[in-house]
Structures are given as C-alpha cells and as structure tokens.
N, C-alpha and C. Protein backbone atom coordinates (compact mmCIF):
# COMPACT_ATOMS: atom_id res chain seq x y z
N MET A 1 -83.14 -40.00 -15.57
CA MET A 1 -82.35 -39.08 -16.34
C MET A 1 -82.96 -37.69 -16.22
N ALA A 2 -82.12 -36.72 -16.00
CA ALA A 2 -82.57 -35.33 -15.88
C ALA A 2 -82.84 -34.74 -17.27
N LEU A 3 -83.85 -33.93 -17.36
CA LEU A 3 -84.17 -33.25 -18.61
C LEU A 3 -83.78 -31.79 -18.51
N THR A 4 -83.33 -31.25 -19.62
CA THR A 4 -82.99 -29.83 -19.64
C THR A 4 -84.13 -29.05 -20.28
N ASP A 5 -84.25 -27.81 -19.87
CA ASP A 5 -85.31 -26.95 -20.40
C ASP A 5 -84.80 -26.02 -21.49
N TRP A 6 -83.52 -26.05 -21.80
CA TRP A 6 -82.97 -25.16 -22.79
C TRP A 6 -82.45 -26.00 -23.96
N PRO A 7 -82.39 -25.40 -25.15
CA PRO A 7 -81.87 -26.16 -26.29
C PRO A 7 -80.38 -26.42 -26.10
N ARG A 8 -79.99 -27.65 -26.36
CA ARG A 8 -78.59 -28.00 -26.18
C ARG A 8 -77.83 -27.82 -27.49
N GLU A 9 -76.61 -27.32 -27.36
CA GLU A 9 -75.72 -27.19 -28.51
C GLU A 9 -75.18 -28.57 -28.86
N PRO A 10 -75.12 -28.91 -30.14
CA PRO A 10 -74.61 -30.24 -30.50
C PRO A 10 -73.14 -30.38 -30.13
N LEU A 11 -72.75 -31.60 -29.83
CA LEU A 11 -71.35 -31.91 -29.55
C LEU A 11 -70.66 -32.17 -30.89
N THR A 12 -69.86 -31.21 -31.31
CA THR A 12 -69.15 -31.32 -32.59
C THR A 12 -67.87 -32.13 -32.40
N ALA A 13 -67.24 -32.46 -33.51
CA ALA A 13 -65.96 -33.18 -33.46
C ALA A 13 -64.93 -32.36 -32.67
N GLU A 14 -64.92 -31.05 -32.88
CA GLU A 14 -63.98 -30.18 -32.16
C GLU A 14 -64.27 -30.20 -30.66
N THR A 15 -65.55 -30.14 -30.30
CA THR A 15 -65.94 -30.20 -28.90
C THR A 15 -65.50 -31.52 -28.28
N MET A 16 -65.71 -32.61 -28.99
CA MET A 16 -65.34 -33.93 -28.48
C MET A 16 -63.83 -34.02 -28.26
N LEU A 17 -63.05 -33.40 -29.15
CA LEU A 17 -61.59 -33.39 -28.97
C LEU A 17 -61.21 -32.64 -27.69
N ILE A 18 -61.87 -31.52 -27.44
CA ILE A 18 -61.59 -30.73 -26.23
C ILE A 18 -61.97 -31.54 -24.99
N LEU A 19 -63.17 -32.11 -24.99
CA LEU A 19 -63.62 -32.88 -23.84
C LEU A 19 -62.72 -34.08 -23.59
N ASP A 20 -62.30 -34.75 -24.67
CA ASP A 20 -61.40 -35.89 -24.55
C ASP A 20 -60.05 -35.47 -23.97
N ARG A 21 -59.53 -34.36 -24.44
CA ARG A 21 -58.24 -33.87 -23.95
C ARG A 21 -58.32 -33.52 -22.47
N VAL A 22 -59.37 -32.84 -22.08
CA VAL A 22 -59.55 -32.47 -20.66
C VAL A 22 -59.67 -33.73 -19.81
N LEU A 23 -60.45 -34.69 -20.27
CA LEU A 23 -60.63 -35.93 -19.51
C LEU A 23 -59.32 -36.70 -19.40
N ARG A 24 -58.60 -36.83 -20.49
CA ARG A 24 -57.33 -37.58 -20.46
C ARG A 24 -56.31 -36.89 -19.54
N ASP A 25 -56.25 -35.57 -19.58
CA ASP A 25 -55.35 -34.84 -18.68
C ASP A 25 -55.75 -35.08 -17.23
N TRP A 26 -57.06 -35.07 -16.96
CA TRP A 26 -57.55 -35.32 -15.61
C TRP A 26 -57.15 -36.73 -15.15
N CYS A 27 -57.31 -37.71 -16.05
CA CYS A 27 -56.95 -39.09 -15.72
C CYS A 27 -55.46 -39.21 -15.37
N VAL A 28 -54.62 -38.53 -16.11
CA VAL A 28 -53.18 -38.55 -15.81
C VAL A 28 -52.93 -37.94 -14.43
N GLN A 29 -53.53 -36.80 -14.16
CA GLN A 29 -53.34 -36.13 -12.88
C GLN A 29 -53.85 -36.98 -11.71
N GLU A 30 -54.94 -37.69 -11.93
CA GLU A 30 -55.57 -38.49 -10.88
C GLU A 30 -55.07 -39.93 -10.86
N ASP A 31 -54.16 -40.26 -11.78
CA ASP A 31 -53.66 -41.63 -11.92
C ASP A 31 -54.83 -42.60 -12.04
N CYS A 32 -55.69 -42.31 -13.00
CA CYS A 32 -56.95 -43.01 -13.19
C CYS A 32 -57.03 -43.53 -14.62
N GLU A 33 -57.46 -44.78 -14.79
CA GLU A 33 -57.63 -45.34 -16.12
C GLU A 33 -58.82 -44.70 -16.83
N ILE A 34 -58.68 -44.43 -18.11
CA ILE A 34 -59.73 -43.77 -18.88
C ILE A 34 -61.01 -44.61 -18.92
N GLU A 35 -60.89 -45.93 -18.77
CA GLU A 35 -62.06 -46.82 -18.80
C GLU A 35 -62.70 -47.02 -17.42
N SER A 36 -62.16 -46.37 -16.40
CA SER A 36 -62.65 -46.58 -15.04
C SER A 36 -64.01 -45.92 -14.82
N GLU A 37 -64.67 -46.34 -13.77
CA GLU A 37 -65.97 -45.76 -13.41
C GLU A 37 -65.82 -44.28 -13.06
N MET A 38 -64.74 -43.94 -12.37
CA MET A 38 -64.52 -42.54 -12.00
C MET A 38 -64.33 -41.66 -13.24
N ALA A 39 -63.62 -42.17 -14.24
CA ALA A 39 -63.44 -41.42 -15.48
C ALA A 39 -64.77 -41.28 -16.22
N THR A 40 -65.59 -42.31 -16.18
CA THR A 40 -66.91 -42.24 -16.83
C THR A 40 -67.78 -41.17 -16.17
N LEU A 41 -67.78 -41.14 -14.85
CA LEU A 41 -68.54 -40.12 -14.13
C LEU A 41 -68.01 -38.72 -14.43
N THR A 42 -66.70 -38.60 -14.53
CA THR A 42 -66.09 -37.31 -14.84
C THR A 42 -66.43 -36.88 -16.26
N ALA A 43 -66.44 -37.82 -17.19
CA ALA A 43 -66.81 -37.50 -18.58
C ALA A 43 -68.25 -36.98 -18.63
N LYS A 44 -69.14 -37.62 -17.89
CA LYS A 44 -70.53 -37.16 -17.84
C LYS A 44 -70.61 -35.75 -17.27
N SER A 45 -69.81 -35.49 -16.25
CA SER A 45 -69.78 -34.16 -15.66
C SER A 45 -69.28 -33.12 -16.66
N LEU A 46 -68.26 -33.48 -17.44
CA LEU A 46 -67.74 -32.57 -18.46
C LEU A 46 -68.82 -32.21 -19.48
N VAL A 47 -69.56 -33.21 -19.93
CA VAL A 47 -70.63 -32.95 -20.90
C VAL A 47 -71.71 -32.07 -20.26
N ASP A 48 -72.05 -32.35 -19.01
CA ASP A 48 -73.04 -31.51 -18.31
C ASP A 48 -72.57 -30.06 -18.26
N TRP A 49 -71.31 -29.85 -17.90
CA TRP A 49 -70.79 -28.48 -17.82
C TRP A 49 -70.79 -27.81 -19.19
N PHE A 50 -70.43 -28.58 -20.23
CA PHE A 50 -70.46 -28.02 -21.58
C PHE A 50 -71.88 -27.60 -21.94
N GLU A 51 -72.84 -28.48 -21.68
CA GLU A 51 -74.23 -28.17 -21.99
C GLU A 51 -74.76 -27.01 -21.15
N PHE A 52 -74.20 -26.83 -19.99
CA PHE A 52 -74.58 -25.72 -19.12
C PHE A 52 -74.03 -24.39 -19.63
N GLY A 53 -72.99 -24.47 -20.49
CA GLY A 53 -72.46 -23.25 -21.10
C GLY A 53 -70.98 -23.01 -20.91
N VAL A 54 -70.29 -23.89 -20.19
CA VAL A 54 -68.84 -23.73 -20.00
C VAL A 54 -68.17 -24.27 -21.25
N ARG A 55 -67.54 -23.39 -22.02
CA ARG A 55 -66.91 -23.78 -23.29
C ARG A 55 -65.38 -23.68 -23.25
N ASP A 56 -64.84 -22.97 -22.30
CA ASP A 56 -63.40 -22.77 -22.21
C ASP A 56 -62.72 -24.03 -21.67
N GLU A 57 -61.71 -24.49 -22.39
CA GLU A 57 -61.01 -25.72 -22.00
C GLU A 57 -60.40 -25.63 -20.60
N GLY A 58 -59.80 -24.51 -20.30
CA GLY A 58 -59.21 -24.33 -18.98
C GLY A 58 -60.25 -24.32 -17.87
N GLU A 59 -61.38 -23.72 -18.14
CA GLU A 59 -62.46 -23.69 -17.16
C GLU A 59 -63.05 -25.07 -16.96
N LEU A 60 -63.22 -25.83 -18.04
CA LEU A 60 -63.69 -27.21 -17.91
C LEU A 60 -62.73 -28.03 -17.07
N ALA A 61 -61.44 -27.86 -17.30
CA ALA A 61 -60.44 -28.59 -16.51
C ALA A 61 -60.53 -28.19 -15.04
N ARG A 62 -60.77 -26.92 -14.78
CA ARG A 62 -60.86 -26.45 -13.39
C ARG A 62 -62.06 -27.03 -12.66
N VAL A 63 -63.22 -27.05 -13.32
CA VAL A 63 -64.41 -27.53 -12.62
C VAL A 63 -64.32 -29.01 -12.30
N ILE A 64 -63.68 -29.80 -13.17
CA ILE A 64 -63.55 -31.22 -12.80
C ILE A 64 -62.39 -31.44 -11.83
N ARG A 65 -61.34 -30.64 -11.94
CA ARG A 65 -60.24 -30.75 -10.98
C ARG A 65 -60.71 -30.43 -9.58
N ASP A 66 -61.53 -29.37 -9.48
CA ASP A 66 -62.04 -28.95 -8.17
C ASP A 66 -63.31 -29.70 -7.77
N GLN A 67 -63.73 -30.63 -8.63
CA GLN A 67 -64.91 -31.47 -8.39
C GLN A 67 -66.15 -30.63 -8.06
N ILE A 68 -66.34 -29.60 -8.86
CA ILE A 68 -67.53 -28.77 -8.73
C ILE A 68 -68.66 -29.47 -9.47
N SER A 69 -69.79 -29.64 -8.83
CA SER A 69 -70.91 -30.31 -9.49
C SER A 69 -72.04 -29.33 -9.72
N LEU A 70 -72.82 -29.62 -10.74
CA LEU A 70 -73.98 -28.79 -11.07
C LEU A 70 -75.09 -29.04 -10.09
C-alpha cells in the first residue's frame, strides 16, 4: 500500500455521494456492473484523485473517463 506524505481530507458523506455518482455514471457509460473488479479499481482511482486534490465532480468524471492515472 502506498503512503501519502500530506494530510488527507476526510471523506465526508457529501464527498461519498459525489464519488458514488461519478462511479455509477462511469459504470453506465462503460456498461459495467458496480460490483465488478473494473468498477472497484475505478473507485480506488476516484478516491486517489480526490485525495490528490481533485474536488470538482466534472473533473473527477473526466480523469476516470480518460483513464488518467496518478
């Protein structure tokens, strides 16, 4: 597991709603089940991007749509 050197912002209920919405939209676009391995990897990527500082819902959707990795 990778460790971060910066303090992480907590994942609030509002943040979780945004991440869930972005992931579910991605699953629809990719015709992918939310319980699939690919969706799990994408969810982890979303959290990584959030912790890296991407907070905008549209930007989060773009980075996973374009499969940009940290």
